[in-house]
C-alpha cells in the first residue's frame, strides 16, 4: 500500500470532502476534521468486496461463525484478549450501540458518567435519550491527560447507572494504563455501575503504551462491562456500517439483543460483513504499515508546529490519527479561532468546544492522510495562526 498516493474523494458523497459549505460555510477549505482517513482500504478487502459486486446478488446476509472467528482471532493476535465467540453481537455502528446500551440499561433521568473533553456523541446520546450527563473532567498536565479519581468518586451516587469510557481517549489520544483501568473498574464495581468501553481506536497504537481491553483485566470486569469495537477507524471502513459489541455477561447480552430487535435491527449489510471478515483476517500487515506512516506524520506535525507555531501545544497521541492541539496561548476566543482557520487559513478542523468542558481553546486535526495533504494543511494552519 502506497500511503503517499493522493486519491480524490470529491463527488463520492463523502462527509469529509463533499459538505464543506454545510459545515464551514464555504467550499474553499481543506477538510481535516471528521474521523476517517484518506487512504484506500487493504487490497484484500477491496478484492473481496469486488468479488461480491461481480456476483451481483445482494440479498439478506447474516454474520456467520467465520465472522466471529475473524474477530476473536484479531483480538487475540493484536491485544492478547481471548474472547468467547458467543460474547459477540453486532450493530451498524458504535454510536448506535451506545444509544442501545443507554436505552436498555438506564432509565430517563438516570445519570451517565463521562470524562470531558470527550467524543461528541457521548453527550448527544445521553441527552437525546433524556438521561443526565455527569461529567468528571480529565486533568491536563504537561500536555497529557490524567483521570481525576477523587473528583470522579466523590460525585457518584445511586442515580449513576452507566460509565461511558473512551479507551483509547478521543480527542486526546490517551491510552489508559492497566493501573488506571483497574482503579476505574474497582470504583464502578463498588458503586454497581455498568462500564461501556468504546475501544474503536484501540488498533491504532502509535505510542509506547499498549492498549489494554478493559474486559480483559478480570472476569469481574468482563461481567460488568460492554466493549465496543469496529474495523471502521482501523481500516477506513466507516461507510460499511458494521461494528461488534462484546458482552461476556449472558444476561446483559440477551437484553442488548432484545433492545436492538425492538428498534428493528435484524442484521448487518452484506458489504459490512465481508469487509469486517477480510480486514480482521488479513489486515495485519496493512495496519502495521499504516501505523508506521502515522508515526511519521505525527513526528512531522510536532516538528512543524514547534518550529513555526510555538504558542500551539501538541497533545501527542498514544493512539489514533487524530491530534489535539492546544491553542489557548494564542489568546483567541473560540469564535475567533474558528474564523481565522476558515477565512484566513482555508482550513477545516474540529473545534474543541464540541468536546465539552475542557475543550475551549483547542482544535482537533486529522492526520490520516498522505504527507502531501498534511504539509498543505499545516502550511494553512501557519497562515491562519501566525
Protein backbone atom coordinates (compact mmCIF):
# COMPACT_ATOMS: atom_id res chain seq x y z
CA UNK A 1 0.00 0.00 0.00
CA UNK A 2 1.34 3.39 -1.02
CA UNK A 3 0.04 5.76 1.64
CA UNK A 4 1.60 8.70 -0.22
CA UNK A 5 -0.90 8.23 -3.03
CA UNK A 6 -3.41 11.09 -3.26
CA UNK A 7 -6.88 9.86 -4.20
CA UNK A 8 -9.67 12.36 -4.76
CA UNK A 9 -12.79 11.72 -2.69
CA UNK A 10 -14.79 14.63 -4.03
CA UNK A 11 -18.11 13.66 -5.56
CA UNK A 12 -18.30 10.39 -3.61
CA UNK A 13 -20.92 11.52 -1.04
CA UNK A 14 -18.03 11.99 1.38
CA UNK A 15 -18.90 13.62 4.69
CA UNK A 16 -15.33 14.83 4.90
CA UNK A 17 -14.96 16.26 1.40
CA UNK A 18 -18.41 16.97 -0.06
CA UNK A 19 -20.22 19.05 2.57
CA UNK A 20 -17.67 21.77 3.30
CA UNK A 21 -20.19 24.52 2.65
CA UNK A 22 -22.69 22.99 5.07
CA UNK A 23 -20.08 22.51 7.81
CA UNK A 24 -17.81 25.53 7.37
CA UNK A 25 -19.93 27.97 5.37
CA UNK A 26 -17.65 27.80 2.33
CA UNK A 27 -16.44 25.18 -0.14
CA UNK A 28 -12.97 26.70 -0.12
CA UNK A 29 -11.37 24.83 2.80
CA UNK A 30 -9.10 21.82 3.15
CA UNK A 31 -11.11 19.42 5.34
CA UNK A 32 -9.08 17.76 8.10
CA UNK A 33 -11.82 17.27 10.64
CA UNK A 34 -14.08 14.20 10.61
CA UNK A 35 -12.52 10.92 11.77
CA UNK A 36 -11.95 8.95 8.61
CA UNK A 37 -8.77 8.55 6.59
CA UNK A 38 -7.90 9.41 3.01
CA UNK A 39 -6.31 6.00 2.41
CA UNK A 40 -7.73 3.09 0.47
CA UNK A 41 -8.71 0.05 2.49
CA UNK A 42 -6.45 -3.04 2.39
CA UNK A 43 -6.28 -4.59 -1.06
CA UNK A 44 -7.78 -7.87 0.18
CA UNK A 45 -10.84 -6.01 1.47
CA UNK A 46 -11.33 -4.27 -1.86
CA UNK A 47 -10.87 -7.59 -3.66
CA UNK A 48 -13.44 -9.41 -1.53
CA UNK A 49 -15.97 -6.60 -1.95
CA UNK A 50 -15.40 -6.53 -5.71
CA UNK A 51 -15.94 -10.27 -5.89
CA UNK A 52 -19.33 -9.82 -4.24
CA UNK A 53 -20.19 -6.99 -6.63
CA UNK A 54 -19.37 -9.25 -9.57
CA UNK A 55 -21.54 -11.97 -8.07
CA UNK A 56 -24.36 -9.48 -8.45
CA UNK A 57 -26.86 -10.78 -5.92
CA UNK A 58 -27.35 -8.65 -2.82
CA UNK A 59 -29.99 -10.38 -0.77
CA UNK A 60 -30.06 -10.55 3.01
CA UNK A 61 -26.80 -11.62 4.63
CA UNK A 62 -26.02 -12.58 8.19
CA UNK A 63 -22.77 -12.85 10.18
CA UNK A 64 -21.72 -16.49 10.40
CA UNK A 65 -19.28 -18.34 12.65
CA UNK A 66 -16.47 -17.21 10.33
CA UNK A 67 -17.28 -13.60 11.21
CA UNK A 68 -17.00 -14.10 14.96
CA UNK A 69 -13.86 -16.22 14.49
CA UNK A 70 -12.28 -13.41 12.48
CA UNK A 71 -12.98 -11.02 15.36
CA UNK A 72 -11.78 -13.32 18.14
CA UNK A 73 -8.63 -14.15 16.18
CA UNK A 74 -7.90 -10.47 15.70
CA UNK A 75 -8.39 -9.63 19.38
CA UNK A 76 -6.12 -12.48 20.43
CA UNK A 77 -3.35 -11.56 17.95
CA UNK A 78 -3.42 -7.80 18.43
CA UNK A 79 -4.44 -7.42 22.07
CA UNK A 80 -3.83 -10.81 23.73
CA UNK A 81 -7.51 -10.89 24.66
CA UNK A 82 -9.22 -14.27 24.48
CA UNK A 83 -12.92 -13.72 23.77
CA UNK A 84 -15.58 -16.40 23.54
CA UNK A 85 -17.36 -16.03 20.21
CA UNK A 86 -20.71 -16.35 21.97
CA UNK A 87 -19.99 -12.98 23.64
CA UNK A 88 -20.14 -11.17 20.29
CA UNK A 89 -23.18 -9.45 18.88
CA UNK A 90 -23.38 -6.91 16.07
CA UNK A 91 -24.54 -3.35 15.42
CA UNK A 92 -24.45 -0.94 12.47
CA UNK A 93 -22.01 1.24 14.40
CA UNK A 94 -20.55 2.10 17.77
CA UNK A 95 -22.73 5.21 18.27
CA UNK A 96 -25.85 3.16 17.55
CA UNK A 97 -24.66 0.60 20.10
CA UNK A 98 -24.10 3.34 22.69
CA UNK A 99 -27.68 4.50 22.21
CA UNK A 100 -28.98 0.94 22.59
CA UNK A 101 -26.96 0.49 25.78
CA UNK A 102 -28.30 3.73 27.25
CA UNK A 103 -31.89 2.80 26.42
CA UNK A 104 -31.66 -0.73 27.80
CA UNK A 105 -29.65 -0.36 30.99
CA UNK A 106 -30.74 3.09 32.20
CA UNK A 107 -33.99 4.99 32.66
CA UNK A 108 -34.90 8.60 31.81
CA UNK A 109 -33.30 10.90 34.36
CA UNK A 110 -30.53 8.47 35.33
CA UNK A 111 -27.00 9.86 35.39
CA UNK A 112 -24.32 8.63 33.00
CA UNK A 113 -20.69 9.31 33.80
CA UNK A 114 -18.28 10.69 31.19
CA UNK A 115 -14.88 12.42 31.24
CA UNK A 116 -14.54 15.55 29.14
CA UNK A 117 -13.19 16.64 26.79
CA UNK A 118 -14.79 13.65 25.12
CA UNK A 119 -16.15 12.28 21.84
CA UNK A 120 -19.19 14.41 20.99
CA UNK A 121 -21.77 11.58 20.59
CA UNK A 122 -21.24 10.64 24.24
CA UNK A 123 -23.01 13.87 25.18
CA UNK A 124 -25.51 13.60 22.34
CA UNK A 125 -26.67 10.05 23.02
CA UNK A 126 -27.10 10.77 26.74
CA UNK A 127 -29.10 13.93 26.19
CA UNK A 128 -31.17 12.70 23.23
CA UNK A 129 -32.24 9.71 25.32
CA UNK A 130 -33.32 12.00 28.19
CA UNK A 131 -30.59 10.94 30.57
CA UNK A 132 -28.38 13.23 32.62
CA UNK A 133 -24.68 13.86 31.96
CA UNK A 134 -22.40 13.51 34.98
CA UNK A 135 -19.06 14.91 33.90
CA UNK A 136 -15.78 14.32 35.71
CA UNK A 137 -13.31 16.36 33.63
CA UNK A 138 -9.87 14.99 32.88
CA UNK A 139 -6.80 16.81 34.16
CA UNK A 140 -4.34 18.15 31.57
CA UNK A 141 -0.83 18.20 32.99
CA UNK A 142 2.34 18.67 30.94
CA UNK A 143 0.41 18.12 27.71
CA UNK A 144 -1.01 14.79 28.89
CA UNK A 145 -4.43 13.84 30.25
CA UNK A 146 -4.99 12.14 33.59
CA UNK A 147 -8.09 10.91 35.40
CA UNK A 148 -9.21 12.89 38.44
CA UNK A 149 -10.16 9.88 40.55
CA UNK A 150 -11.03 11.94 43.63
CA UNK A 151 -13.46 14.13 41.68
CA UNK A 152 -14.90 11.11 39.90
CA UNK A 153 -15.74 9.13 43.01
CA UNK A 154 -16.96 11.97 45.21
CA UNK A 155 -19.70 12.82 42.69
CA UNK A 156 -21.09 9.30 42.36
CA UNK A 157 -24.49 8.49 43.83
CA UNK A 158 -27.11 5.72 43.31
CA UNK A 159 -28.57 7.51 40.27
CA UNK A 160 -25.35 6.91 38.31
CA UNK A 161 -26.01 3.75 36.31
CA UNK A 162 -23.52 3.83 33.46
CA UNK A 163 -19.96 4.92 32.72
CA UNK A 164 -19.01 5.67 29.11
CA UNK A 165 -15.27 5.07 28.92
CA UNK A 166 -13.30 6.16 25.87
CA UNK A 167 -10.33 3.75 25.67
CA UNK A 168 -8.20 4.99 23.89
CA UNK A 169 -9.38 8.52 24.53
CA UNK A 170 -10.79 10.74 21.80
CA UNK A 171 -9.82 13.56 21.25
CA UNK A 172 -6.73 13.40 23.49
CA UNK A 173 -5.33 10.14 22.11
CA UNK A 174 -4.53 8.87 25.60
CA UNK A 175 -4.16 5.10 26.10
CA UNK A 176 -5.11 4.30 29.68
CA UNK A 177 -2.73 2.12 31.67
CA UNK A 178 -3.67 -1.15 33.34
CA UNK A 179 -3.40 0.55 36.74
CA UNK A 180 -5.76 3.34 35.72
CA UNK A 181 -8.28 0.91 34.29
CA UNK A 182 -8.16 -1.28 37.39
CA UNK A 183 -8.86 1.71 39.61
CA UNK A 184 -11.76 2.79 37.37
CA UNK A 185 -13.14 -0.74 37.38
CA UNK A 186 -12.94 -1.08 41.15
CA UNK A 187 -14.83 2.20 41.59
CA UNK A 188 -17.56 1.10 39.18
CA UNK A 189 -17.89 -2.33 40.83
CA UNK A 190 -18.15 -0.68 44.24
CA UNK A 191 -21.00 1.56 43.05
CA UNK A 192 -22.63 -1.07 40.77
CA UNK A 193 -22.06 0.99 37.62
CA UNK A 194 -22.03 -0.69 34.21
CA UNK A 195 -18.90 0.16 32.19
CA UNK A 196 -19.24 0.68 28.45
CA UNK A 197 -15.78 0.81 26.91
CA UNK A 198 -15.58 2.40 23.46
CA UNK A 199 -12.40 0.85 22.05
CA UNK A 200 -12.84 1.81 18.41
CA UNK A 201 -9.34 3.40 18.24
CA UNK A 202 -7.62 0.52 20.03
CA UNK A 203 -5.89 -0.94 16.96
CA UNK A 204 -4.17 2.34 16.08
CA UNK A 205 -1.47 2.37 18.76
CA UNK A 206 1.25 4.77 17.66
CA UNK A 207 2.94 5.37 21.03
CA UNK A 208 4.69 3.16 23.56
CA UNK A 209 1.72 2.39 25.82
CA UNK A 210 -0.07 -0.82 24.71
CA UNK A 211 -3.85 -0.92 24.62
CA UNK A 212 -5.43 -2.92 27.44
CA UNK A 213 -9.01 -4.04 26.68
CA UNK A 214 -10.93 -3.20 29.83
CA UNK A 215 -12.79 -6.51 29.92
CA UNK A 216 -9.54 -8.48 29.57
CA UNK A 217 -8.32 -7.44 33.02
CA UNK A 218 -10.52 -9.74 35.10
CA UNK A 219 -13.66 -11.87 34.97
CA UNK A 220 -15.34 -9.42 37.33
CA UNK A 221 -14.65 -6.54 34.96
CA UNK A 222 -15.78 -8.58 31.96
CA UNK A 223 -19.12 -9.37 33.60
CA UNK A 224 -19.70 -5.71 34.48
CA UNK A 225 -18.80 -4.30 31.06
CA UNK A 226 -19.68 -3.96 27.40
CA UNK A 227 -16.92 -3.41 24.85
CA UNK A 228 -17.48 -1.66 21.53
CA UNK A 229 -15.15 -2.24 18.58
CA UNK A 230 -15.26 -1.84 14.81
CA UNK A 231 -12.97 -2.08 11.79
CA UNK A 232 -14.12 1.37 10.70
CA UNK A 233 -11.31 3.53 12.13
CA UNK A 234 -8.63 0.84 11.79
CA UNK A 235 -9.16 0.07 8.11
CA UNK A 236 -11.14 3.13 6.95
CA UNK A 237 -14.39 1.18 6.54
CA UNK A 238 -16.83 3.52 8.29
CA UNK A 239 -19.12 3.62 5.25
CA UNK A 240 -19.73 -0.14 5.51
CA UNK A 241 -21.65 0.36 8.77
CA UNK A 242 -20.52 -2.65 10.80
CA UNK A 243 -19.37 -2.97 14.40
CA UNK A 244 -19.10 -5.64 17.07
CA UNK A 245 -20.37 -5.44 20.64
CA UNK A 246 -18.69 -7.78 23.11
CA UNK A 247 -20.81 -8.68 26.14
CA UNK A 248 -19.46 -11.64 28.15
CA UNK A 249 -22.34 -11.43 30.66
CA UNK A 250 -25.07 -13.56 29.10
CA UNK A 251 -27.93 -11.79 30.85
CA UNK A 252 -26.70 -8.38 29.72
CA UNK A 253 -26.17 -9.67 26.18
CA UNK A 254 -29.70 -11.08 25.95
CA UNK A 255 -31.13 -7.74 26.98
CA UNK A 256 -28.96 -5.86 24.47
CA UNK A 257 -30.02 -8.12 21.60
CA UNK A 258 -33.68 -7.73 22.54
CA UNK A 259 -33.34 -3.95 22.62
CA UNK A 260 -31.82 -3.87 19.14
CA UNK A 261 -34.60 -6.11 17.86
CA UNK A 262 -37.17 -3.70 19.30
CA UNK A 263 -35.54 -0.99 17.17
CA UNK A 264 -35.96 -3.14 14.07
CA UNK A 265 -32.33 -4.15 13.76
CA UNK A 266 -32.03 -7.52 12.04
CA UNK A 267 -28.59 -8.00 10.51
CA UNK A 268 -25.53 -6.27 9.10
CA UNK A 269 -25.32 -5.36 5.46
CA UNK A 270 -23.61 -7.70 3.03
CA UNK A 271 -20.60 -5.45 2.47
CA UNK A 272 -20.17 -4.74 6.17
CA UNK A 273 -19.85 -8.46 6.91
CA UNK A 274 -17.45 -9.08 4.03
CA UNK A 275 -15.30 -6.06 4.87
CA UNK A 276 -15.14 -6.91 8.56
CA UNK A 277 -14.11 -10.52 7.93
CA UNK A 278 -11.49 -9.68 5.31
CA UNK A 279 -9.94 -6.90 7.40
CA UNK A 280 -9.73 -8.85 10.63
CA UNK A 281 -8.46 -11.99 8.91
CA UNK A 282 -5.90 -10.44 6.58
CA UNK A 283 -5.29 -6.83 7.62
CA UNK A 284 -2.28 -7.18 9.96
CA UNK A 285 0.48 -6.22 7.53
CA UNK A 286 -1.51 -3.29 6.12
CA UNK A 287 -2.17 -2.00 9.62
CA UNK A 288 1.47 -2.35 10.68
CA UNK A 289 2.48 -0.25 7.68
CA UNK A 290 -0.24 2.30 8.39
CA UNK A 291 0.93 2.70 11.99
CA UNK A 292 4.47 3.44 10.84
CA UNK A 293 3.14 6.02 8.40
CA UNK A 294 1.02 7.68 11.08
CA UNK A 295 4.01 7.83 13.43
CA UNK A 296 5.96 9.71 10.77
CA UNK A 297 3.02 12.07 10.22
CA UNK A 298 2.83 12.79 13.96
CA UNK A 299 6.56 13.49 14.11
CA UNK A 300 6.33 15.82 11.12
CA UNK A 301 3.39 17.68 12.68
CA UNK A 302 5.15 18.08 16.02
CA UNK A 303 8.37 19.37 14.45
CA UNK A 304 6.46 21.76 12.19
CA UNK A 305 4.40 23.25 14.99
CA UNK A 306 7.37 23.54 17.35
CA UNK A 307 9.31 25.41 14.65
CA UNK A 308 6.53 27.57 13.25
CA UNK A 309 3.80 27.91 15.88
CA UNK A 310 5.50 27.73 19.29
CA UNK A 311 2.40 29.01 21.11
CA UNK A 312 0.44 25.96 19.94
CA UNK A 313 0.95 22.88 22.11
CA UNK A 314 0.54 19.39 20.70
CA UNK A 315 -1.10 16.74 22.87
CA UNK A 316 0.94 13.86 21.47
CA UNK A 317 -1.41 10.90 20.92
CA UNK A 318 -0.70 7.38 22.15
CA UNK A 319 -3.25 6.16 19.62
CA UNK A 320 -5.23 7.14 16.53
CA UNK A 321 -4.72 9.57 13.67
CA UNK A 322 -6.44 12.44 15.47
CA UNK A 323 -4.27 15.09 17.13
CA UNK A 324 -5.49 17.51 19.79
CA UNK A 325 -3.95 20.99 19.56
CA UNK A 326 -3.90 23.42 22.48
CA UNK A 327 -4.23 26.93 21.04
CA UNK A 328 -5.03 28.77 24.28
CA UNK A 329 -1.77 30.73 24.37
CA UNK A 330 -2.81 32.48 21.16
CA UNK A 331 -5.32 34.49 23.19
CA UNK A 332 -8.18 33.96 20.73
CA UNK A 333 -11.77 33.21 21.60
CA UNK A 334 -13.18 30.01 20.13
CA UNK A 335 -15.18 32.06 17.64
CA UNK A 336 -12.08 33.99 16.60
CA UNK A 337 -10.07 30.78 16.31
CA UNK A 338 -12.71 29.24 14.07
CA UNK A 339 -12.85 32.35 11.89
CA UNK A 340 -9.11 32.63 11.28
CA UNK A 341 -8.84 28.94 10.47
CA UNK A 342 -11.64 29.06 7.93
CA UNK A 343 -11.33 32.57 6.50
CA UNK A 344 -7.59 33.15 6.69
CA UNK A 345 -6.16 29.64 6.58
CA UNK A 346 -8.86 27.99 4.44
CA UNK A 347 -8.62 25.02 6.79
CA UNK A 348 -11.44 22.94 8.26
CA UNK A 349 -10.68 21.50 11.71
CA UNK A 350 -12.86 20.26 14.57
CA UNK A 351 -13.46 22.95 17.21
CA UNK A 352 -12.62 21.86 20.73
CA UNK A 353 -15.89 23.22 22.11
CA UNK A 354 -17.66 20.23 20.55
CA UNK A 355 -15.98 18.01 23.14
CA UNK A 356 -17.46 19.66 26.21
CA UNK A 357 -15.85 21.40 29.20
CA UNK A 358 -12.08 21.50 28.81
CA UNK A 359 -12.26 21.72 25.03
CA UNK A 360 -12.24 25.51 24.90
CA UNK A 361 -9.24 26.85 23.02
CA UNK A 362 -8.44 23.51 21.36
CA UNK A 363 -8.87 22.12 17.86
CA UNK A 364 -8.60 18.57 16.53
CA UNK A 365 -6.74 17.80 13.31
CA UNK A 366 -6.91 14.56 11.32
CA UNK A 367 -3.50 13.37 10.10
CA UNK A 368 -4.81 10.17 8.48
CA UNK A 369 -3.83 11.43 5.05
CA UNK A 370 -0.89 11.48 2.62
CA UNK A 371 2.06 13.52 3.85
CA UNK A 372 1.47 15.98 0.99
CA UNK A 373 -2.03 16.74 2.35
CA UNK A 374 -0.65 17.07 5.87
CA UNK A 375 2.02 19.51 4.72
CA UNK A 376 -0.59 21.60 2.92
CA UNK A 377 -2.82 21.58 5.98
CA UNK A 378 -0.02 22.62 8.31
CA UNK A 379 1.04 25.43 5.99
CA UNK A 380 -2.55 26.67 6.08
CA UNK A 381 -2.53 26.38 9.86
CA UNK A 382 0.60 28.56 9.92
CA UNK A 383 -1.05 31.16 7.67
CA UNK A 384 -4.11 31.20 9.92
CA UNK A 385 -2.37 31.42 13.27
CA UNK A 386 0.89 33.29 12.62
